[in-house]
C-alpha atoms as a PDB file:
ATOM      1  CA  MET A   1     201.696 -95.631  61.245  1.00  0.00           C
ATOM      2  CA  ASP A   2     203.674 -95.033  57.978  1.00  0.00           C
ATOM      3  CA  PRO A   3     201.807 -91.653  56.582  1.00  0.00           C
ATOM      4  CA  THR A   4     202.546 -93.139  53.093  1.00  0.00           C
ATOM      5  CA  ALA A   5     199.821 -95.767  53.970  1.00  0.00           C
ATOM      6  CA  VAL A   6     197.827 -93.022  54.567  1.00  0.00           C
ATOM      7  CA  TRP A   7     198.682 -90.202  51.861  1.00  0.00           C
ATOM      8  CA  TYR A   8     199.119 -92.126  48.877  1.00  0.00           C
ATOM      9  CA  ARG A   9     195.779 -94.253  48.931  1.00  0.00           C
ATOM     10  CA  ARG A  10     193.245 -92.282  47.527  1.00  0.00           C
ATOM     11  CA  TYR A  11     190.471 -93.191  50.036  1.00  0.00           C
ATOM     12  CA  HIS A  12     192.376 -94.238  52.850  1.00  0.00           C
ATOM     13  CA  PRO A  13     189.459 -94.692  55.904  1.00  0.00           C
ATOM     14  CA  LEU A  14     191.594 -91.957  57.951  1.00  0.00           C
ATOM     15  CA  SER A  15     192.351 -89.873  55.064  1.00  0.00           C
ATOM     16  CA  LEU A  16     188.952 -88.986  54.506  1.00  0.00           C
ATOM     17  CA  ALA A  17     188.670 -88.742  58.499  1.00  0.00           C
ATOM     18  CA  LEU A  18     190.795 -85.734  58.206  1.00  0.00           C
ATOM     19  CA  ALA A  19     190.109 -84.559  54.605  1.00  0.00           C
ATOM     20  CA  PRO A  20     188.486 -80.718  56.491  1.00  0.00           C
ATOM     21  CA  LEU A  21     192.195 -80.509  58.266  1.00  0.00           C
ATOM     22  CA  GLY A  22     193.961 -80.739  54.868  1.00  0.00           C
ATOM     23  CA  TRP A  23     191.126 -78.207  53.731  1.00  0.00           C
ATOM     24  CA  LEU A  24     192.101 -75.252  56.489  1.00  0.00           C
ATOM     25  CA  TYR A  25     195.637 -76.158  55.846  1.00  0.00           C
ATOM     26  CA  CYS A  26     195.404 -75.350  51.862  1.00  0.00           C
ATOM     27  CA  ALA A  27     192.938 -72.214  53.202  1.00  0.00           C
ATOM     28  CA  VAL A  28     195.727 -71.072  55.264  1.00  0.00           C
ATOM     29  CA  ALA A  29     198.779 -71.886  52.472  1.00  0.00           C
ATOM     30  CA  LEU A  30     196.620 -69.713  49.895  1.00  0.00           C
ATOM     31  CA  VAL A  31     195.738 -67.038  51.822  1.00  0.00           C
ATOM     32  CA  ARG A  32     199.551 -66.886  53.470  1.00  0.00           C
ATOM     33  CA  ARG A  33     200.511 -66.593  49.438  1.00  0.00           C
ATOM     34  CA  HIS A  34     197.969 -64.154  48.559  1.00  0.00           C
ATOM     35  CA  GLY A  35     199.292 -61.852  51.268  1.00  0.00           C
ATOM     36  CA  TYR A  36     203.041 -61.811  49.979  1.00  0.00           C
ATOM     37  CA  ARG A  37     202.107 -61.324  46.691  1.00  0.00           C
ATOM     38  CA  ARG A  38     199.384 -58.979  47.720  1.00  0.00           C
ATOM     39  CA  GLY A  39     202.461 -56.564  49.927  1.00  0.00           C
ATOM     40  CA  LEU A  40     200.911 -57.594  53.104  1.00  0.00           C
ATOM     41  CA  PHE A  41     204.199 -59.587  54.329  1.00  0.00           C
ATOM     42  CA  ALA A  42     207.650 -57.787  53.826  1.00  0.00           C
ATOM     43  CA  VAL A  43     209.255 -59.055  50.905  1.00  0.00           C
ATOM     44  CA  ARG A  44     213.063 -59.019  50.317  1.00  0.00           C
ATOM     45  CA  ARG A  45     214.467 -59.214  46.922  1.00  0.00           C
ATOM     46  CA  LEU A  46     218.593 -59.712  46.414  1.00  0.00           C
ATOM     47  CA  PRO A  47     220.542 -58.300  44.068  1.00  0.00           C
ATOM     48  CA  VAL A  48     221.572 -61.195  42.293  1.00  0.00           C
ATOM     49  CA  PRO A  49     219.386 -63.969  40.530  1.00  0.00           C
ATOM     50  CA  VAL A  50     217.598 -66.419  42.661  1.00  0.00           C
ATOM     51  CA  VAL A  51     216.650 -69.973  42.058  1.00  0.00           C
ATOM     52  CA  VAL A  52     214.538 -72.158  44.047  1.00  0.00           C
ATOM     53  CA  VAL A  53     214.122 -75.495  43.430  1.00  0.00           C
ATOM     54  CA  GLY A  54     211.511 -77.197  45.977  1.00  0.00           C
ATOM     55  CA  ASN A  55     208.690 -79.674  46.296  1.00  0.00           C
ATOM     56  CA  LEU A  56     204.222 -79.309  47.230  1.00  0.00           C
ATOM     57  CA  THR A  57     204.506 -82.654  49.035  1.00  0.00           C
ATOM     58  CA  VAL A  58     206.350 -84.089  52.534  1.00  0.00           C
ATOM     59  CA  GLY A  59     209.408 -86.025  51.828  1.00  0.00           C
ATOM     60  CA  GLY A  60     212.455 -86.912  49.614  1.00  0.00           C
ATOM     61  CA  THR A  61     211.968 -86.281  45.987  1.00  0.00           C
ATOM     62  CA  GLY A  62     215.756 -85.755  44.991  1.00  0.00           C
ATOM     63  CA  LYS A  63     215.869 -81.949  45.292  1.00  0.00           C
ATOM     64  CA  THR A  64     219.444 -81.847  46.904  1.00  0.00           C
ATOM     65  CA  PRO A  65     221.794 -84.114  44.075  1.00  0.00           C
ATOM     66  CA  LEU A  66     219.627 -81.919  41.505  1.00  0.00           C
ATOM     67  CA  VAL A  67     220.323 -78.462  43.438  1.00  0.00           C
ATOM     68  CA  LEU A  68     224.243 -79.564  43.180  1.00  0.00           C
ATOM     69  CA  ARG A  69     224.120 -80.395  39.682  1.00  0.00           C
ATOM     70  CA  LEU A  70     222.385 -77.487  39.035  1.00  0.00           C
ATOM     71  CA  ALA A  71     225.797 -75.603  41.037  1.00  0.00           C
ATOM     72  CA  GLU A  72     228.043 -77.761  38.730  1.00  0.00           C
ATOM     73  CA  LEU A  73     226.349 -76.531  35.879  1.00  0.00           C
ATOM     74  CA  ALA A  74     226.010 -73.033  37.063  1.00  0.00           C
ATOM     75  CA  VAL A  75     229.739 -73.192  37.468  1.00  0.00           C
ATOM     76  CA  ALA A  76     230.598 -74.684  34.348  1.00  0.00           C
ATOM     77  CA  ARG A  77     228.629 -71.794  32.438  1.00  0.00           C
ATOM     78  CA  GLY A  78     230.639 -69.055  34.286  1.00  0.00           C
ATOM     79  CA  TRP A  79     228.527 -68.204  36.844  1.00  0.00           C
ATOM     80  CA  ARG A  80     229.852 -68.513  40.613  1.00  0.00           C
ATOM     81  CA  PRO A  81     227.042 -69.452  42.634  1.00  0.00           C
ATOM     82  CA  ALA A  82     226.023 -70.315  46.472  1.00  0.00           C
ATOM     83  CA  ILE A  83     223.345 -72.902  47.907  1.00  0.00           C
ATOM     84  CA  ILE A  84     221.020 -71.704  50.105  1.00  0.00           C
ATOM     85  CA  THR A  85     219.150 -74.046  52.475  1.00  0.00           C
ATOM     86  CA  ARG A  86     217.638 -74.552  55.872  1.00  0.00           C
ATOM     87  CA  GLY A  87     219.675 -76.840  57.825  1.00  0.00           C
ATOM     88  CA  TYR A  88     216.474 -79.310  59.189  1.00  0.00           C
ATOM     89  CA  GLY A  89     217.784 -79.676  62.854  1.00  0.00           C
ATOM     90  CA  ALA A  90     220.653 -77.817  63.091  1.00  0.00           C
ATOM     91  CA  ARG A  91     221.168 -76.128  66.489  1.00  0.00           C
ATOM     92  CA  SER A  92     224.311 -74.031  66.068  1.00  0.00           C
ATOM     93  CA  GLY A  93     223.714 -70.586  65.587  1.00  0.00           C
ATOM     94  CA  PRO A  94     223.783 -67.558  65.506  1.00  0.00           C
ATOM     95  CA  TRP A  95     222.505 -67.493  61.524  1.00  0.00           C
ATOM     96  CA  PRO A  96     223.023 -67.964  58.869  1.00  0.00           C
ATOM     97  CA  ARG A  97     226.592 -69.247  58.712  1.00  0.00           C
ATOM     98  CA  VAL A  98     228.633 -70.729  55.554  1.00  0.00           C
ATOM     99  CA  ALA A  99     228.879 -74.353  56.352  1.00  0.00           C
ATOM    100  CA  ALA A 100     232.409 -75.850  56.135  1.00  0.00           C
ATOM    101  CA  ALA A 101     233.518 -79.650  55.067  1.00  0.00           C
ATOM    102  CA  ALA A 102     234.497 -80.085  58.784  1.00  0.00           C
ATOM    103  CA  ASP A 103     231.571 -79.115  60.630  1.00  0.00           C
ATOM    104  CA  ASP A 104     229.058 -81.199  62.978  1.00  0.00           C
ATOM    105  CA  PRO A 105     226.123 -82.120  61.356  1.00  0.00           C
ATOM    106  CA  LEU A 106     224.335 -81.667  63.964  1.00  0.00           C
ATOM    107  CA  LEU A 107     225.053 -78.475  64.392  1.00  0.00           C
ATOM    108  CA  VAL A 108     224.717 -77.554  60.573  1.00  0.00           C
ATOM    109  CA  GLY A 109     222.655 -80.509  58.937  1.00  0.00           C
ATOM    110  CA  ASP A 110     222.717 -83.481  56.900  1.00  0.00           C
ATOM    111  CA  GLU A 111     222.467 -81.914  53.685  1.00  0.00           C
ATOM    112  CA  PRO A 112     224.140 -78.744  53.947  1.00  0.00           C
ATOM    113  CA  LEU A 113     226.896 -80.520  55.497  1.00  0.00           C
ATOM    114  CA  LEU A 114     226.516 -82.970  52.247  1.00  0.00           C
ATOM    115  CA  LEU A 115     226.720 -80.371  49.991  1.00  0.00           C
ATOM    116  CA  ALA A 116     229.383 -78.549  51.622  1.00  0.00           C
ATOM    117  CA  ARG A 117     231.515 -82.120  51.653  1.00  0.00           C
ATOM    118  CA  ARG A 118     231.067 -82.185  47.800  1.00  0.00           C
ATOM    119  CA  GLY A 119     232.821 -78.725  47.594  1.00  0.00           C
ATOM    120  CA  VAL A 120     230.528 -77.010  44.307  1.00  0.00           C
ATOM    121  CA  CYS A 121     230.392 -74.098  45.548  1.00  0.00           C
ATOM    122  CA  PRO A 122     229.447 -71.912  49.156  1.00  0.00           C
ATOM    123  CA  VAL A 123     226.842 -73.360  51.455  1.00  0.00           C
ATOM    124  CA  VAL A 124     224.795 -71.225  53.746  1.00  0.00           C
ATOM    125  CA  VAL A 125     222.602 -72.372  56.389  1.00  0.00           C
ATOM    126  CA  GLY A 126     219.821 -71.100  58.504  1.00  0.00           C
ATOM    127  CA  PRO A 127     216.263 -70.671  58.597  1.00  0.00           C
ATOM    128  CA  ASP A 128     215.649 -67.260  56.878  1.00  0.00           C
ATOM    129  CA  ARG A 129     216.830 -67.499  53.365  1.00  0.00           C
ATOM    130  CA  ALA A 130     216.896 -64.144  52.726  1.00  0.00           C
ATOM    131  CA  ALA A 131     219.548 -63.319  55.218  1.00  0.00           C
ATOM    132  CA  ASP A 132     221.468 -66.925  54.319  1.00  0.00           C
ATOM    133  CA  GLY A 133     221.268 -65.579  50.348  1.00  0.00           C
ATOM    134  CA  ALA A 134     222.785 -61.649  51.660  1.00  0.00           C
ATOM    135  CA  LEU A 135     225.403 -63.130  53.545  1.00  0.00           C
ATOM    136  CA  ALA A 136     226.081 -65.435  50.607  1.00  0.00           C
ATOM    137  CA  ILE A 137     226.300 -62.784  48.845  1.00  0.00           C
ATOM    138  CA  ARG A 138     228.210 -60.382  50.879  1.00  0.00           C
ATOM    139  CA  ARG A 139     230.871 -63.159  52.093  1.00  0.00           C
ATOM    140  CA  CYS A 140     231.120 -65.599  49.242  1.00  0.00           C
ATOM    141  CA  GLY A 141     230.740 -63.073  46.373  1.00  0.00           C
ATOM    142  CA  CYS A 142     228.248 -65.201  44.212  1.00  0.00           C
ATOM    143  CA  ASN A 143     226.265 -63.666  41.934  1.00  0.00           C
ATOM    144  CA  LEU A 144     223.343 -66.736  41.604  1.00  0.00           C
ATOM    145  CA  LEU A 145     221.736 -67.837  44.629  1.00  0.00           C
ATOM    146  CA  LEU A 146     219.901 -71.829  44.286  1.00  0.00           C
ATOM    147  CA  CYS A 147     217.747 -73.148  47.241  1.00  0.00           C
ATOM    148  CA  ASP A 148     217.653 -75.674  48.470  1.00  0.00           C
ATOM    149  CA  ASP A 149     213.682 -76.549  49.006  1.00  0.00           C
ATOM    150  CA  GLY A 150     212.331 -72.646  50.223  1.00  0.00           C
ATOM    151  CA  LEU A 151     209.351 -72.757  47.501  1.00  0.00           C
ATOM    152  CA  GLN A 152     206.785 -71.777  50.150  1.00  0.00           C
ATOM    153  CA  HIS A 153     209.600 -69.641  51.414  1.00  0.00           C
ATOM    154  CA  TYR A 154     208.121 -66.393  50.213  1.00  0.00           C
ATOM    155  CA  ARG A 155     210.034 -63.762  52.201  1.00  0.00           C
ATOM    156  CA  LEU A 156     212.714 -64.024  49.984  1.00  0.00           C
ATOM    157  CA  ALA A 157     211.754 -63.313  46.270  1.00  0.00           C
ATOM    158  CA  ARG A 158     212.764 -65.513  43.845  1.00  0.00           C
ATOM    159  CA  ASP A 159     212.942 -65.157  39.667  1.00  0.00           C
ATOM    160  CA  LEU A 160     212.864 -68.358  39.093  1.00  0.00           C
ATOM    161  CA  GLU A 161     211.094 -71.423  40.677  1.00  0.00           C
ATOM    162  CA  ILE A 162     211.569 -75.314  40.000  1.00  0.00           C
ATOM    163  CA  ALA A 163     208.956 -77.969  41.422  1.00  0.00           C
ATOM    164  CA  VAL A 164     210.150 -81.401  42.021  1.00  0.00           C
ATOM    165  CA  VAL A 165     207.801 -84.101  41.499  1.00  0.00           C
ATOM    166  CA  ASP A 166     208.207 -87.964  42.490  1.00  0.00           C
ATOM    167  CA  GLY A 167     208.086 -89.715  39.556  1.00  0.00           C
ATOM    168  CA  GLU A 168     206.499 -92.724  40.910  1.00  0.00           C
ATOM    169  CA  ARG A 169     204.384 -91.487  43.809  1.00  0.00           C
ATOM    170  CA  GLY A 170     203.453 -88.182  42.079  1.00  0.00           C
ATOM    171  CA  LEU A 171     201.105 -85.684  44.290  1.00  0.00           C
ATOM    172  CA  GLY A 172     200.206 -88.796  46.249  1.00  0.00           C
ATOM    173  CA  ASN A 173     195.841 -88.606  47.294  1.00  0.00           C
ATOM    174  CA  GLY A 174     196.317 -84.688  46.496  1.00  0.00           C
ATOM    175  CA  ARG A 175     195.334 -83.493  49.438  1.00  0.00           C
ATOM    176  CA  CYS A 176     196.927 -81.240  51.949  1.00  0.00           C
ATOM    177  CA  LEU A 177     198.324 -82.051  55.268  1.00  0.00           C
ATOM    178  CA  PRO A 178     197.173 -83.641  57.239  1.00  0.00           C
ATOM    179  CA  ALA A 179     195.355 -85.845  55.295  1.00  0.00           C
ATOM    180  CA  GLY A 180     197.574 -85.777  52.462  1.00  0.00           C
ATOM    181  CA  PRO A 181     201.860 -85.024  51.950  1.00  0.00           C
ATOM    182  CA  LEU A 182     200.721 -81.628  50.100  1.00  0.00           C
ATOM    183  CA  ARG A 183     202.531 -78.431  51.873  1.00  0.00           C
ATOM    184  CA  GLU A 184     200.128 -76.355  49.080  1.00  0.00           C
ATOM    185  CA  PRO A 185     197.477 -77.503  46.815  1.00  0.00           C
ATOM    186  CA  GLY A 186     198.217 -79.335  43.611  1.00  0.00           C
ATOM    187  CA  GLY A 187     196.910 -76.253  41.165  1.00  0.00           C
ATOM    188  CA  ARG A 188     200.724 -74.256  42.490  1.00  0.00           C
ATOM    189  CA  LEU A 189     202.491 -76.113  40.139  1.00  0.00           C
ATOM    190  CA  GLY A 190     200.504 -74.173  37.462  1.00  0.00           C
ATOM    191  CA  SER A 191     202.372 -71.272  38.722  1.00  0.00           C
ATOM    192  CA  VAL A 192     206.319 -72.605  38.541  1.00  0.00           C
ATOM    193  CA  ASP A 193     208.713 -71.909  36.029  1.00  0.00           C
ATOM    194  CA  LEU A 194     209.651 -75.480  35.610  1.00  0.00           C
ATOM    195  CA  VAL A 195     208.450 -78.529  36.939  1.00  0.00           C
ATOM    196  CA  ILE A 196     210.760 -81.321  36.612  1.00  0.00           C
ATOM    197  CA  HIS A 197     210.146 -85.256  37.852  1.00  0.00           C
ATOM    198  CA  HIS A 198     212.276 -87.686  39.429  1.00  0.00           C
ATOM    199  CA  GLY A 199     212.071 -90.814  37.386  1.00  0.00           C
ATOM    200  CA  GLY A 200     208.116 -92.712  36.489  1.00  0.00           C
ATOM    201  CA  ASN A 201     206.891 -92.416  32.989  1.00  0.00           C
ATOM    202  CA  ALA A 202     204.736 -88.838  33.249  1.00  0.00           C
ATOM    203  CA  ALA A 203     205.297 -86.507  30.245  1.00  0.00           C
ATOM    204  CA  GLY A 204     207.571 -83.940  30.566  1.00  0.00           C
ATOM    205  CA  TYR A 205     210.941 -82.811  31.697  1.00  0.00           C
ATOM    206  CA  ARG A 206     212.656 -85.587  34.317  1.00  0.00           C
ATOM    207  CA  PHE A 207     215.964 -86.401  35.696  1.00  0.00           C
ATOM    208  CA  GLY A 208     217.452 -89.708  37.615  1.00  0.00           C
ATOM    209  CA  LEU A 209     220.435 -90.267  40.008  1.00  0.00           C
ATOM    210  CA  VAL A 210     222.726 -92.491  38.776  1.00  0.00           C
ATOM    211  CA  PRO A 211     225.368 -93.753  41.728  1.00  0.00           C
ATOM    212  CA  GLY A 212     228.760 -93.926  41.703  1.00  0.00           C
ATOM    213  CA  ASP A 213     231.641 -95.910  43.577  1.00  0.00           C
ATOM    214  CA  THR A 214     230.976 -96.717  46.800  1.00  0.00           C
ATOM    215  CA  GLN A 215     233.161 -95.226  49.535  1.00  0.00           C
ATOM    216  CA  ALA A 216     234.467 -96.953  52.667  1.00  0.00           C
ATOM    217  CA  LEU A 217     233.048 -94.265  55.578  1.00  0.00           C
ATOM    218  CA  ARG A 218     236.443 -94.888  57.865  1.00  0.00           C
ATOM    219  CA  ASP A 219     238.868 -94.617  54.883  1.00  0.00           C
ATOM    220  CA  PRO A 220     237.170 -92.402  51.812  1.00  0.00           C
ATOM    221  CA  ALA A 221     240.470 -93.725  49.939  1.00  0.00           C
ATOM    222  CA  ARG A 222     239.087 -97.017  49.811  1.00  0.00           C
ATOM    223  CA  ARG A 223     236.755 -97.428  47.086  1.00  0.00           C
ATOM    224  CA  ARG A 224     234.672-100.240  45.736  1.00  0.00           C
ATOM    225  CA  PRO A 225     232.041 -99.793  42.387  1.00  0.00           C
ATOM    226  CA  LEU A 226     228.689-100.928  43.320  1.00  0.00           C
ATOM    227  CA  SER A 227     228.853-103.880  40.804  1.00  0.00           C
ATOM    228  CA  ASP A 228     231.342-105.409  43.238  1.00  0.00           C
ATOM    229  CA  PHE A 229     228.668-106.256  45.411  1.00  0.00           C
ATOM    230  CA  ARG A 230     226.475-107.619  43.050  1.00  0.00           C
ATOM    231  CA  GLY A 231     224.730-111.046  44.302  1.00  0.00           C
ATOM    232  CA  GLN A 232     225.642-110.088  47.955  1.00  0.00           C
ATOM    233  CA  ARG A 233     223.359-109.750  50.861  1.00  0.00           C
ATOM    234  CA  VAL A 234     224.170-106.653  52.337  1.00  0.00           C
ATOM    235  CA  THR A 235     222.212-104.149  54.845  1.00  0.00           C
ATOM    236  CA  ALA A 236     220.998-100.666  53.210  1.00  0.00           C
ATOM    237  CA  VAL A 237     220.338 -98.659  55.363  1.00  0.00           C
ATOM    238  CA  ALA A 238     218.108 -95.194  54.638  1.00  0.00           C
ATOM    239  CA  GLY A 239     217.014 -91.877  56.682  1.00  0.00           C
ATOM    240  CA  ILE A 240     215.877 -90.019  53.998  1.00  0.00           C
ATOM    241  CA  GLY A 241     212.354 -89.122  53.152  1.00  0.00           C
ATOM    242  CA  ASN A 242     211.909 -91.983  50.391  1.00  0.00           C
ATOM    243  CA  PRO A 243     213.746 -95.285  51.552  1.00  0.00           C
ATOM    244  CA  GLY A 244     212.430 -97.479  48.983  1.00  0.00           C
ATOM    245  CA  ARG A 245     213.952 -95.732  46.231  1.00  0.00           C
ATOM    246  CA  PHE A 246     217.252 -96.018  47.621  1.00  0.00           C
ATOM    247  CA  PHE A 247     216.546 -99.842  48.297  1.00  0.00           C
ATOM    248  CA  ALA A 248     214.867-100.103  44.679  1.00  0.00           C
ATOM    249  CA  MET A 249     218.258 -98.278  43.224  1.00  0.00           C
ATOM    250  CA  LEU A 250     220.266-100.558  44.866  1.00  0.00           C
ATOM    251  CA  ARG A 251     218.043-104.092  44.025  1.00  0.00           C
ATOM    252  CA  ALA A 252     217.937-102.817  40.506  1.00  0.00           C
ATOM    253  CA  ARG A 253     221.710-103.349  40.319  1.00  0.00           C
ATOM    254  CA  GLY A 254     221.858-106.859  41.372  1.00  0.00           C
ATOM    255  CA  LEU A 255     222.470-106.638  45.256  1.00  0.00           C
ATOM    256  CA  LEU A 256     220.426-108.615  47.746  1.00  0.00           C
ATOM    257  CA  VAL A 257     218.870-105.894  50.032  1.00  0.00           C
ATOM    258  CA  ASP A 258     217.861-106.248  53.120  1.00  0.00           C
ATOM    259  CA  GLU A 259     216.006-103.068  54.534  1.00  0.00           C
ATOM    260  CA  LEU A 260     216.760-101.221  57.347  1.00  0.00           C
ATOM    261  CA  PRO A 261     214.434 -97.754  56.913  1.00  0.00           C
ATOM    262  CA  TYR A 262     214.686 -94.877  59.380  1.00  0.00           C
ATOM    263  CA  PRO A 263     212.894 -91.508  59.714  1.00  0.00           C
ATOM    264  CA  ASP A 264     213.562 -88.737  57.367  1.00  0.00           C
ATOM    265  CA  HIS A 265     216.847 -87.066  59.261  1.00  0.00           C
ATOM    266  CA  HIS A 266     217.500 -89.433  61.680  1.00  0.00           C
ATOM    267  CA  PRO A 267     219.946 -88.866  63.765  1.00  0.00           C
ATOM    268  CA  PHE A 268     222.213 -91.823  64.354  1.00  0.00           C
ATOM    269  CA  SER A 269     223.963 -93.181  67.138  1.00  0.00           C
ATOM    270  CA  ALA A 270     227.113 -95.875  67.796  1.00  0.00           C
ATOM    271  CA  ALA A 271     224.785 -98.095  69.053  1.00  0.00           C
ATOM    272  CA  GLU A 272     222.111 -98.439  66.434  1.00  0.00           C
ATOM    273  CA  ALA A 273     225.510 -98.818  64.283  1.00  0.00           C
ATOM    274  CA  ALA A 274     226.581-101.199  66.243  1.00  0.00           C
ATOM    275  CA  GLN A 275     223.172-103.607  66.118  1.00  0.00           C
ATOM    276  CA  TRP A 276     223.515-103.131  62.289  1.00  0.00           C
ATOM    277  CA  PRO A 277     223.905-106.876  60.911  1.00  0.00           C
ATOM    278  CA  PRO A 278     227.303-108.074  60.060  1.00  0.00           C
ATOM    279  CA  GLY A 279     228.837-107.642  55.989  1.00  0.00           C
ATOM    280  CA  PRO A 280     228.674-104.892  53.808  1.00  0.00           C
ATOM    281  CA  VAL A 281     226.285-101.973  55.166  1.00  0.00           C
ATOM    282  CA  LEU A 282     225.673 -99.306  52.058  1.00  0.00           C
ATOM    283  CA  MET A 283     223.981 -95.802  52.984  1.00  0.00           C
ATOM    284  CA  THR A 284     223.585 -93.040  51.410  1.00  0.00           C
ATOM    285  CA  GLU A 285     225.084 -89.529  51.263  1.00  0.00           C
ATOM    286  CA  LYS A 286     222.608 -87.574  53.753  1.00  0.00           C
ATOM    287  CA  ASP A 287     223.027 -91.030  56.437  1.00  0.00           C
ATOM    288  CA  ALA A 288     226.966 -91.116  56.026  1.00  0.00           C
ATOM    289  CA  VAL A 289     227.918 -87.555  56.930  1.00  0.00           C
ATOM    290  CA  LYS A 290     226.133 -88.708  60.380  1.00  0.00           C
ATOM    291  CA  CYS A 291     227.646 -91.867  60.899  1.00  0.00           C
ATOM    292  CA  ALA A 292     231.152 -91.736  59.512  1.00  0.00           C
ATOM    293  CA  ALA A 293     232.632 -90.766  63.031  1.00  0.00           C
ATOM    294  CA  PHE A 294     231.210 -94.203  64.345  1.00  0.00           C
ATOM    295  CA  ALA A 295     231.192 -96.404  60.938  1.00  0.00           C
ATOM    296  CA  GLY A 296     232.897-100.223  60.924  1.00  0.00           C
ATOM    297  CA  PRO A 297     235.233-101.355  58.564  1.00  0.00           C
ATOM    298  CA  ASP A 298     232.530-102.459  56.234  1.00  0.00           C
ATOM    299  CA  HIS A 299     230.336 -99.143  56.265  1.00  0.00           C
ATOM    300  CA  TRP A 300     229.977 -97.691  52.983  1.00  0.00           C
ATOM    301  CA  VAL A 301     228.648 -94.825  51.357  1.00  0.00           C
ATOM    302  CA  CYS A 302     226.775 -95.051  48.121  1.00  0.00           C
ATOM    303  CA  PRO A 303     226.861 -91.523  46.778  1.00  0.00           C
ATOM    304  CA  VAL A 304     224.673 -90.690  43.977  1.00  0.00           C
ATOM    305  CA  ALA A 305     224.386 -87.812  40.819  1.00  0.00           C
ATOM    306  CA  ALA A 306     221.371 -86.001  39.205  1.00  0.00           C
ATOM    307  CA  ALA A 307     221.064 -86.435  35.910  1.00  0.00           C
ATOM    308  CA  PRO A 308     218.585 -83.989  34.649  1.00  0.00           C
ATOM    309  CA  ASP A 309     217.325 -84.603  30.549  1.00  0.00           C
ATOM    310  CA  PRO A 310     219.391 -81.906  28.209  1.00  0.00           C
ATOM    311  CA  ALA A 311     216.212 -80.167  27.335  1.00  0.00           C
ATOM    312  CA  PHE A 312     215.559 -79.173  31.165  1.00  0.00           C
ATOM    313  CA  VAL A 313     219.110 -78.310  31.531  1.00  0.00           C
ATOM    314  CA  ALA A 314     218.634 -75.913  28.351  1.00  0.00           C
ATOM    315  CA  ALA A 315     215.412 -74.590  29.647  1.00  0.00           C
ATOM    316  CA  LEU A 316     216.696 -73.424  32.666  1.00  0.00           C
ATOM    317  CA  PHE A 317     219.823 -71.735  31.243  1.00  0.00           C
ATOM    318  CA  ALA A 318     218.072 -70.381  28.716  1.00  0.00           C
ATOM    319  CA  ARG A 319     215.761 -68.261  31.311  1.00  0.00           C
ATOM    320  CA  LEU A 320     218.910 -67.694  33.593  1.00  0.00           C
ATOM    321  CA  GLY A 321     220.703 -65.587  30.462  1.00  0.00           C
ATOM    322  CA  PRO A 322     224.584 -65.725  30.002  1.00  0.00           C
ATOM    323  CA  ALA A 323     226.719 -65.336  33.240  1.00  0.00           C
ATOM    324  CA  PRO A 324     227.966 -61.806  34.007  1.00  0.00           C
ATOM    325  CA  ALA A 325     231.446 -60.819  33.244  1.00  0.00           C
ATOM    326  CA  ALA A 326     234.079 -61.830  35.130  1.00  0.00           C
ATOM    327  CA  ASN A 327     234.949 -58.615  36.432  1.00  0.00           C
ATOM    328  CA  ASP A 328     231.404 -57.558  37.185  1.00  0.00           C
ATOM    329  CA  GLU A 329     229.796 -56.868  40.544  1.00  0.00           C
ATOM    330  CA  THR A 330     226.633 -58.383  41.817  1.00  0.00           C
ATOM    331  CA  GLN A 331     224.189 -56.810  40.065  1.00  0.00           C
ATOM    332  CA  SER A 332     220.308 -56.957  39.667  1.00  0.00           C
ATOM    333  CA  PRO A 333     219.281 -60.107  37.877  1.00  0.00           C
ATOM    334  CA  SER A 334     217.982 -59.915  33.843  1.00  0.00           C
ATOM    335  CA  PHE A 335     216.232 -62.871  33.101  1.00  0.00           C
ATOM    336  CA  THR A 336     215.041 -63.680  29.480  1.00  0.00           C
ATOM    337  CA  GLN A 337     211.927 -65.027  30.190  1.00  0.00           C
ATOM    338  CA  GLN A 338     208.991 -62.514  29.684  1.00  0.00           C
ATOM    339  CA  GLU A 339     208.120 -61.337  33.355  1.00  0.00           C
ATOM    340  CA  THR A 340     209.785 -61.978  36.712  1.00  0.00           C
ATOM    341  CA  VAL A 341     208.237 -64.876  39.314  1.00  0.00           C
ATOM    342  CA  SER A 342     207.135 -62.878  42.506  1.00  0.00           C
ATOM    343  CA  PRO A 343     205.782 -64.134  45.053  1.00  0.00           C
END
């Protein structure tokens, strides 16, 4: 069963039946967070600013493209950022490790490999974000850490929290797992520094994803504007948290889309790709890093770039303050906000 049918309908019978488990999950999440805030569990603070970009819900909200864009903006302002990320499903080790563009996605994870291939800044992968950040500082000389996901990873002290909310689906039915999509109670949004919505019409900060030229998986030098496919029937492959958003983006640009949704982080195989219909097959970057090795001649990746509101960018960097001078070593964060946010 598609969990969205349960999680995004307020009075779905299964959600109501699971509600007591959801209350228990919320209670455990609250106790756990309270334990970190009270010092019952160890929290590690690193000597550079830490910005966590996460969400309250299970499923895709566009965090990774947003983190990539924030890294680009930070570099342009003189920072030396590194992105730290768990690497969902990664099988490498020992952890942590710096991801390289030539890595196997099965070893480091699809999203870290996507980020590493963009080449904006170092990407460090591992289940312990505090250890990831320490390695990024020691080996890469970064002076800013951007944590892709990890809002609930309280072992790493953070100086800024950004919550990303799906502007169309919101917080679903408002219940915690398994009755709803929430990892923490919805009230947690009130304690983060910045909230930004991916699309939709909610008040406050928003961002969208802007598609670029498509690239052939077999030969990335072959490029076609997405508009070249307008009016054509294409197969759209998406193994992401919210495949419908990718399909809707293609349709909005005039493509005739046959949908092939897969579970998030799906491990694609050559046998699956051989069963895809003839004709153009378009996919996300996250899927393309796993399909390039066995892609056909008409398989294309559609990269996207996050475009956040200028007001959000201004608010973020006002809190972050200026980058340290070029000759400064990594140092303790000096934020302009009145109170540093701790777990």
